[in-house]
Protein backbone atom coordinates (compact mmCIF):
# COMPACT_ATOMS: atom_id res chain seq x y z
CA MET A 1 -8.20 -125.72 123.17
CA TRP A 2 -5.10 -124.77 121.19
CA ARG A 3 -6.67 -121.38 120.57
CA LEU A 4 -7.10 -120.92 124.32
CA ALA A 5 -3.49 -121.93 124.86
CA VAL A 6 -2.28 -119.36 122.34
CA LEU A 7 -4.54 -116.73 123.88
CA GLY A 8 -3.20 -117.55 127.33
CA ILE A 9 0.39 -117.15 126.17
CA VAL A 10 -0.45 -113.79 124.61
CA LEU A 11 -2.19 -112.55 127.73
CA PHE A 12 0.50 -113.62 130.15
CA GLY A 13 3.16 -112.26 127.82
CA LEU A 14 1.50 -108.87 127.98
CA SER A 15 0.94 -108.92 131.72
CA ALA A 16 3.78 -106.52 132.35
CA CYS A 17 2.13 -103.69 130.45
CA ILE A 18 -1.63 -104.27 130.66
CA GLU A 19 -4.14 -105.29 133.30
CA LEU A 20 -3.83 -109.03 133.69
CA ASP A 21 -6.85 -109.16 136.01
CA TYR A 22 -9.12 -107.84 133.26
CA TYR A 23 -7.91 -110.38 130.73
CA LEU A 24 -8.27 -113.25 133.17
CA HIS A 25 -11.84 -112.08 133.77
CA SER A 26 -12.47 -112.06 130.01
CA VAL A 27 -11.00 -115.51 129.39
CA THR A 28 -12.82 -117.01 132.39
CA GLY A 29 -16.12 -115.46 131.33
CA HIS A 30 -15.79 -116.72 127.79
CA LEU A 31 -14.84 -120.22 128.94
CA GLU A 32 -17.91 -120.29 131.15
CA VAL A 33 -20.11 -119.53 128.16
CA LEU A 34 -18.41 -122.17 125.99
CA SER A 35 -18.70 -124.82 128.71
CA LYS A 36 -22.51 -124.57 128.58
CA ARG A 37 -22.88 -125.19 124.86
CA GLN A 38 -25.29 -127.81 123.58
CA THR A 39 -25.71 -128.49 119.89
CA ILE A 40 -29.01 -127.32 118.48
CA SER A 41 -29.48 -130.66 116.71
CA SER A 42 -29.24 -132.54 120.02
CA LEU A 43 -31.69 -130.16 121.73
CA LEU A 44 -34.18 -130.58 118.92
CA ALA A 45 -33.92 -134.35 119.30
CA LYS A 46 -34.53 -134.27 123.07
CA LYS A 47 -38.09 -134.83 124.26
CA SER A 48 -37.33 -132.74 127.33
CA THR A 49 -36.77 -129.61 125.23
CA SER A 50 -39.78 -127.32 125.57
CA VAL A 51 -41.98 -126.72 122.55
CA GLU A 52 -41.24 -123.00 122.76
CA LEU A 53 -37.47 -123.53 122.66
CA GLN A 54 -37.80 -126.07 119.86
CA GLU A 55 -39.69 -123.55 117.74
CA GLN A 56 -37.10 -120.87 118.47
CA LEU A 57 -34.18 -123.14 117.60
CA GLU A 58 -35.82 -124.39 114.40
CA LEU A 59 -36.28 -120.80 113.26
CA ILE A 60 -32.71 -119.94 114.20
CA SER A 61 -31.39 -122.98 112.31
CA SER A 62 -33.18 -121.85 109.17
CA ILE A 63 -31.79 -118.33 109.62
CA ARG A 64 -28.30 -119.74 110.09
CA ASN A 65 -28.52 -121.78 106.90
CA PHE A 66 -29.87 -118.77 105.01
CA ALA A 67 -26.88 -116.71 106.18
CA SER A 68 -24.40 -119.04 104.48
CA GLN A 69 -26.44 -120.08 101.47
CA ARG A 70 -27.89 -116.72 100.46
CA LEU A 71 -25.62 -114.12 102.08
CA LEU A 72 -22.39 -116.05 101.49
CA LEU A 73 -21.40 -115.70 105.14
CA PRO A 74 -19.03 -118.26 106.73
CA ASP A 75 -20.41 -121.79 106.89
CA ASN A 76 -18.96 -123.06 110.15
CA GLY A 77 -20.04 -124.14 113.63
CA SER A 78 -21.08 -120.68 114.81
CA TYR A 79 -24.75 -120.38 115.87
CA ARG A 80 -25.27 -124.13 115.60
CA SER A 81 -25.14 -124.61 119.37
CA TYR A 82 -27.12 -123.08 122.23
CA VAL A 83 -26.29 -121.71 125.68
CA GLU A 84 -28.78 -120.96 128.43
CA LEU A 85 -27.58 -118.06 130.60
CA ASP A 86 -29.01 -116.84 133.88
CA ARG A 87 -28.72 -113.14 133.00
CA PRO A 88 -30.26 -110.74 130.46
CA TYR A 89 -26.97 -109.98 128.67
CA VAL A 90 -23.83 -111.96 128.01
CA VAL A 91 -21.53 -108.94 128.52
CA TRP A 92 -21.76 -105.28 129.46
CA ASN A 93 -19.74 -102.78 127.42
CA VAL A 94 -18.29 -99.59 128.84
CA VAL A 95 -17.94 -96.66 126.43
CA ALA A 96 -16.30 -93.40 127.49
CA THR A 97 -15.58 -90.03 125.92
CA PRO A 98 -14.06 -86.75 127.10
CA GLU A 99 -16.61 -84.32 128.49
CA PHE A 100 -16.48 -82.12 125.39
CA SER A 101 -15.85 -84.60 122.60
CA LEU A 102 -17.76 -87.30 120.74
CA GLU A 103 -14.61 -89.36 120.08
CA PRO A 104 -14.57 -92.44 122.34
CA LEU A 105 -11.59 -93.72 124.27
CA ARG A 106 -10.01 -96.80 122.73
CA TRP A 107 -8.41 -99.84 124.35
CA ASN A 108 -5.92 -102.21 122.78
CA PHE A 109 -6.53 -105.95 122.94
CA PRO A 110 -4.73 -108.98 121.55
CA ILE A 111 -6.02 -110.16 118.15
CA VAL A 112 -8.81 -107.60 117.67
CA GLY A 113 -6.61 -104.51 118.05
CA ALA A 114 -7.92 -101.19 119.36
CA VAL A 115 -11.67 -100.96 120.00
CA SER A 116 -13.78 -98.16 121.41
CA TYR A 117 -15.44 -100.15 124.18
CA ARG A 118 -14.42 -102.47 126.99
CA GLY A 119 -16.58 -105.48 127.79
CA TYR A 120 -17.22 -107.29 131.08
CA PHE A 121 -19.02 -110.55 131.81
CA GLU A 122 -20.19 -109.10 135.14
CA LYS A 123 -22.17 -105.86 135.31
CA ALA A 124 -20.67 -104.95 138.69
CA LYS A 125 -17.16 -104.97 137.20
CA ALA A 126 -18.33 -102.85 134.28
CA GLN A 127 -19.92 -100.39 136.71
CA LYS A 128 -16.73 -100.17 138.78
CA PHE A 129 -14.65 -99.40 135.70
CA ALA A 130 -17.18 -96.84 134.43
CA ASP A 131 -17.21 -95.15 137.84
CA SER A 132 -13.42 -94.85 137.78
CA LEU A 133 -13.60 -93.11 134.41
CA ALA A 134 -16.42 -90.83 135.57
CA GLU A 135 -14.23 -89.72 138.47
CA GLU A 136 -11.79 -88.45 135.83
CA ASP A 137 -14.63 -86.41 134.25
CA PHE A 138 -15.22 -88.70 131.29
CA ASP A 139 -18.74 -89.20 130.00
CA THR A 140 -19.50 -92.90 130.40
CA ILE A 141 -22.22 -95.37 129.51
CA ILE A 142 -22.77 -99.06 130.20
CA THR A 143 -24.71 -101.04 127.61
CA GLY A 144 -25.89 -104.62 127.89
CA VAL A 145 -24.82 -106.76 124.93
CA PRO A 146 -26.81 -109.89 123.95
CA ALA A 147 -24.07 -111.42 121.76
CA TYR A 148 -20.47 -110.98 120.65
CA SER A 149 -18.22 -112.39 117.95
CA THR A 150 -14.92 -114.19 118.48
CA LEU A 151 -14.07 -113.61 114.80
CA SER A 152 -14.17 -117.39 114.09
CA TRP A 153 -11.55 -118.21 116.74
CA PHE A 154 -14.36 -120.18 118.37
CA ASP A 155 -17.77 -121.41 117.27
CA ASP A 156 -20.03 -118.72 118.69
CA PRO A 157 -23.24 -120.12 120.20
CA VAL A 158 -26.83 -118.94 120.12
CA LEU A 159 -27.54 -117.43 123.54
CA SER A 160 -30.72 -117.29 125.60
CA THR A 161 -30.12 -113.52 125.77
CA PHE A 162 -31.52 -113.17 122.25
CA SER A 163 -32.99 -116.53 121.20
CA ASP A 164 -36.57 -115.50 122.09
CA TRP A 165 -36.48 -112.25 120.14
CA PRO A 166 -38.81 -111.76 117.14
CA GLY A 167 -37.56 -113.50 114.01
CA PRO A 168 -36.33 -110.37 112.17
CA SER A 169 -34.35 -109.20 115.21
CA VAL A 170 -32.68 -112.60 115.65
CA ALA A 171 -31.88 -112.73 111.93
CA LYS A 172 -30.28 -109.26 111.95
CA LEU A 173 -28.15 -110.13 114.95
CA ILE A 174 -26.86 -113.40 113.46
CA PHE A 175 -26.17 -111.78 110.09
CA HIS A 176 -24.33 -108.95 111.86
CA GLU A 177 -22.12 -111.21 113.98
CA LEU A 178 -21.28 -113.54 111.07
CA ALA A 179 -20.34 -110.49 108.98
CA HIS A 180 -17.50 -109.87 111.46
CA GLN A 181 -16.14 -113.27 110.47
CA LYS A 182 -16.40 -112.29 106.80
CA LEU A 183 -14.46 -109.04 107.09
CA TYR A 184 -12.76 -107.47 110.09
CA ILE A 185 -9.82 -105.10 110.38
CA PRO A 186 -8.05 -104.35 113.66
CA ASP A 187 -8.16 -100.85 115.14
CA ASP A 188 -11.26 -99.59 113.29
CA THR A 189 -14.42 -100.24 115.31
CA SER A 190 -16.63 -97.93 113.23
CA PHE A 191 -15.64 -99.61 109.97
CA ASN A 192 -16.23 -103.08 111.35
CA GLU A 193 -19.56 -102.33 112.97
CA SER A 194 -20.89 -100.26 110.07
CA PHE A 195 -19.95 -102.99 107.59
CA ALA A 196 -21.61 -105.66 109.74
CA SER A 197 -24.71 -103.48 110.10
CA SER A 198 -24.88 -103.10 106.32
CA VAL A 199 -24.72 -106.87 105.84
CA ALA A 200 -27.48 -107.31 108.43
CA GLN A 201 -29.57 -104.73 106.61
CA ILE A 202 -29.09 -106.48 103.27
CA GLY A 203 -29.76 -109.85 104.84
CA ILE A 204 -32.97 -108.96 106.61
CA LYS A 205 -34.53 -107.60 103.41
CA LEU A 206 -33.73 -110.84 101.56
CA TRP A 207 -34.85 -112.98 104.49
CA LEU A 208 -38.19 -111.18 104.73
CA GLN A 209 -38.71 -111.73 101.01
CA LYS A 210 -38.08 -115.43 101.53
CA MET A 211 -40.51 -115.58 104.48
CA ASN A 212 -43.24 -113.94 102.34
CA ASP A 213 -45.21 -112.88 105.41
CA PRO A 214 -47.05 -109.58 104.76
CA ALA A 215 -47.67 -108.95 108.48
CA LEU A 216 -44.00 -109.51 109.29
CA GLN A 217 -42.89 -107.26 106.43
CA SER A 218 -45.33 -104.52 107.47
CA SER A 219 -44.12 -104.63 111.07
CA TYR A 220 -40.49 -104.45 109.97
CA GLN A 221 -41.24 -101.53 107.64
CA ARG A 222 -42.76 -99.55 110.51
CA GLN A 223 -39.69 -100.33 112.59
CA THR A 224 -37.42 -99.19 109.74
CA VAL A 225 -39.22 -95.86 109.41
CA ARG A 226 -38.90 -95.23 113.15
CA GLN A 227 -35.23 -96.16 113.03
CA GLN A 228 -34.59 -93.75 110.14
CA GLN A 229 -36.29 -90.91 112.02
CA PHE A 230 -34.33 -91.74 115.15
CA HIS A 231 -31.03 -91.62 113.28
CA GLN A 232 -31.98 -88.37 111.61
CA LEU A 233 -32.46 -86.90 115.08
CA LEU A 234 -29.07 -88.28 116.09
CA GLN A 235 -27.40 -86.75 113.06
CA THR A 236 -28.94 -83.33 113.73
CA THR A 237 -27.89 -83.40 117.39
CA ARG A 238 -24.42 -84.65 116.51
CA LYS A 239 -23.88 -81.64 114.26
CA GLU A 240 -24.96 -79.30 117.05
CA LEU A 241 -22.61 -80.92 119.56
CA THR A 242 -19.68 -81.02 117.14
CA ALA A 243 -20.11 -77.30 116.41
CA LEU A 244 -20.38 -76.54 120.14
CA TYR A 245 -17.21 -78.41 121.07
CA ARG A 246 -15.25 -76.50 118.45
CA ARG A 247 -16.12 -73.16 120.03
CA ASP A 248 -13.57 -71.34 122.17
CA ILE A 249 -15.74 -70.63 125.22
CA PRO A 250 -15.33 -71.16 128.99
CA GLU A 251 -15.96 -74.72 130.22
CA GLN A 252 -18.84 -73.66 132.43
CA GLN A 253 -20.66 -72.07 129.48
CA MET A 254 -19.92 -75.06 127.25
CA ARG A 255 -21.22 -77.42 129.91
CA LYS A 256 -24.46 -75.43 130.16
CA GLU A 257 -24.95 -75.29 126.38
CA LYS A 258 -24.21 -79.01 126.12
CA GLN A 259 -27.13 -79.72 128.43
CA LEU A 260 -29.35 -77.39 126.39
CA VAL A 261 -28.57 -79.41 123.27
CA PHE A 262 -29.49 -82.64 125.05
CA SER A 263 -32.69 -81.07 126.41
CA GLY A 264 -33.65 -80.04 122.90
CA MET A 265 -33.05 -83.56 121.70
CA GLN A 266 -35.30 -84.93 124.42
CA LYS A 267 -38.11 -82.60 123.34
CA SER A 268 -37.70 -83.62 119.70
CA TYR A 269 -37.85 -87.27 120.71
CA GLN A 270 -41.10 -86.74 122.59
CA LYS A 271 -42.62 -85.27 119.42
CA LEU A 272 -41.44 -88.30 117.45
CA ARG A 273 -42.86 -90.59 120.08
CA LYS A 274 -46.31 -89.06 119.61
CA ASP A 275 -46.08 -89.67 115.87
CA TRP A 276 -45.20 -93.29 116.69
CA GLN A 277 -48.44 -93.68 118.67
CA GLY A 278 -46.50 -94.06 121.91
CA TYR A 279 -43.94 -96.61 120.69
CA SER A 280 -41.41 -96.73 123.53
CA GLY A 281 -38.60 -98.81 122.04
CA TYR A 282 -36.06 -95.98 122.33
CA ASP A 283 -37.00 -94.79 125.82
CA ASN A 284 -34.10 -96.56 127.51
CA TRP A 285 -31.64 -94.96 125.10
CA PHE A 286 -32.81 -91.49 126.14
CA ARG A 287 -32.62 -92.11 129.88
CA GLN A 288 -28.94 -91.16 130.04
CA LEU A 289 -27.87 -88.73 127.36
CA ASN A 290 -24.19 -87.88 127.09
CA ASN A 291 -21.31 -88.03 124.64
CA ALA A 292 -20.62 -91.68 125.39
CA ARG A 293 -24.20 -92.57 124.49
CA PHE A 294 -23.64 -91.04 121.06
CA ALA A 295 -20.31 -92.81 120.64
CA SER A 296 -21.83 -96.18 121.53
CA ILE A 297 -24.32 -96.01 118.66
CA ASP A 298 -22.00 -94.19 116.27
CA ASN A 299 -19.85 -97.32 116.11
CA TYR A 300 -22.68 -99.12 114.34
CA HIS A 301 -24.00 -96.38 112.06
CA ARG A 302 -21.22 -93.89 111.35
CA TRP A 303 -20.54 -95.22 107.86
CA LEU A 304 -23.66 -97.27 107.23
CA PRO A 305 -24.77 -94.77 104.53
CA ALA A 306 -21.39 -95.24 102.83
CA PHE A 307 -21.83 -99.00 102.70
CA GLN A 308 -25.42 -98.58 101.51
CA LEU A 309 -24.20 -96.55 98.54
CA ALA A 310 -21.39 -99.02 97.84
CA LYS A 311 -23.90 -101.88 97.77
CA GLU A 312 -26.17 -100.01 95.35
CA GLN A 313 -23.21 -99.29 93.09
CA GLU A 314 -22.33 -103.00 92.99
CA GLY A 315 -25.88 -104.03 92.09
CA HIS A 316 -27.29 -107.39 93.14
CA SER A 317 -23.94 -109.16 93.42
CA LEU A 318 -22.89 -109.84 96.99
CA GLU A 319 -19.55 -111.17 95.75
CA ARG A 320 -18.75 -107.80 94.15
CA TYR A 321 -19.96 -105.96 97.24
CA TYR A 322 -17.74 -107.98 99.56
CA ARG A 323 -14.75 -107.44 97.24
CA ARG A 324 -15.46 -103.70 97.22
CA CYS A 325 -15.58 -103.60 101.02
CA ALA A 326 -12.37 -105.61 101.29
CA ALA A 327 -10.66 -103.17 98.93
CA ILE A 328 -11.79 -100.25 101.10
CA ALA A 329 -10.54 -102.09 104.20
CA ASN A 330 -7.08 -102.44 102.64
CA LEU A 331 -6.65 -98.68 102.21
CA PRO A 332 -4.53 -96.72 104.71
CA GLU A 333 -6.70 -95.55 107.59
CA ASN A 334 -6.88 -91.86 106.65
CA GLU A 335 -7.62 -92.64 103.01
CA ARG A 336 -10.21 -95.25 104.06
CA HIS A 337 -12.01 -92.84 106.36
CA GLN A 338 -12.00 -90.01 103.80
CA LEU A 339 -13.50 -92.32 101.17
CA LEU A 340 -16.19 -93.53 103.56
CA ASP A 341 -17.04 -89.94 104.52
CA ARG A 342 -17.45 -89.01 100.85
CA LEU A 343 -19.63 -92.03 100.14
CA ALA A 344 -21.78 -91.29 103.20
CA ASP A 345 -22.22 -87.63 102.23
CA ASN A 346 -23.14 -88.60 98.66
CA TYR A 347 -25.72 -91.09 99.92
CA ARG A 348 -27.32 -88.59 102.30
CA THR A 349 -27.41 -85.91 99.58
CA ARG A 350 -29.11 -88.27 97.19
CA VAL A 351 -31.68 -89.35 99.79
CA ALA A 352 -32.43 -85.71 100.68
CA SER A 353 -32.85 -84.87 96.99
CA LYS A 354 -35.34 -87.69 96.54
CA GLU A 355 -37.35 -86.53 99.55
CA GLN A 356 -37.54 -82.98 98.20
CA THR A 357 -38.95 -84.18 94.85
CA ARG A 358 -41.77 -86.13 96.52
């Protein structure tokens, strides 16, 4: 409660220069989630808990313990309680970019600093805000979010929005969110999300080894291959769009060529889909292609190759890897970003070289 009191003071103190209504919505929405928490241990002890939920919570408990014991992630009350929600997502994030840029708008918030998305606990409010940005000719996108991190200010619960996912997906999500509690720097969404994604990637490989389930490992490997091909398509399209937006041409022509790039991406995706025997997991992503769609996923993968190379350079030691990442985080922003760009380029070059020798 003292954390809520501090947060309230901060919000009301800022009310003269920011939208108080939005912050009240955020605090109220978060309090509603917290008020529904039940400890996982108590739910497992209840006879009224369904067998299906018991199995899910037992798996999640083992994943949570693995996160602290093997991945050295914070050992606290996060993901040791459960909340049943009556909606498919806990929040909806709005991402927006200029019409001819892949750089997202950023909003400043207490504690977390500037981030390149704005979250709402009600989809209608998110839609209203997105519509207001679209009226100003920004590219916008609304994405449903199954979980979020309070950076250890509160004990984040397991939510019904993701508790019934397949084991590897639940594990990756929990590892990702706990990684934010391990290392987070204000005002750098791409660093934070890429680092957390790298920890999730490391964690899922180790967790699958522990599970020793060939079918599970095979399924995850297929998913990984599809994901790599998807991101290769993103990288190719991103280069095309970046080159286009640098050209000095009339807006009408740029707008037309922008749509041609997206149409070409759609065609390339359909070819991939055939190779995937009709796997449709990315269909929703392709239903609304614009700059904001790229920005929304770029947050999580922009520097993932950089962190992958850093992890390889530090060997099997997670302690050394975390120290390396913390050292990078302490650099001035420009120096930090330049280093991450170099690491990412080196990683991609090495991967491409390996593929050519096969």
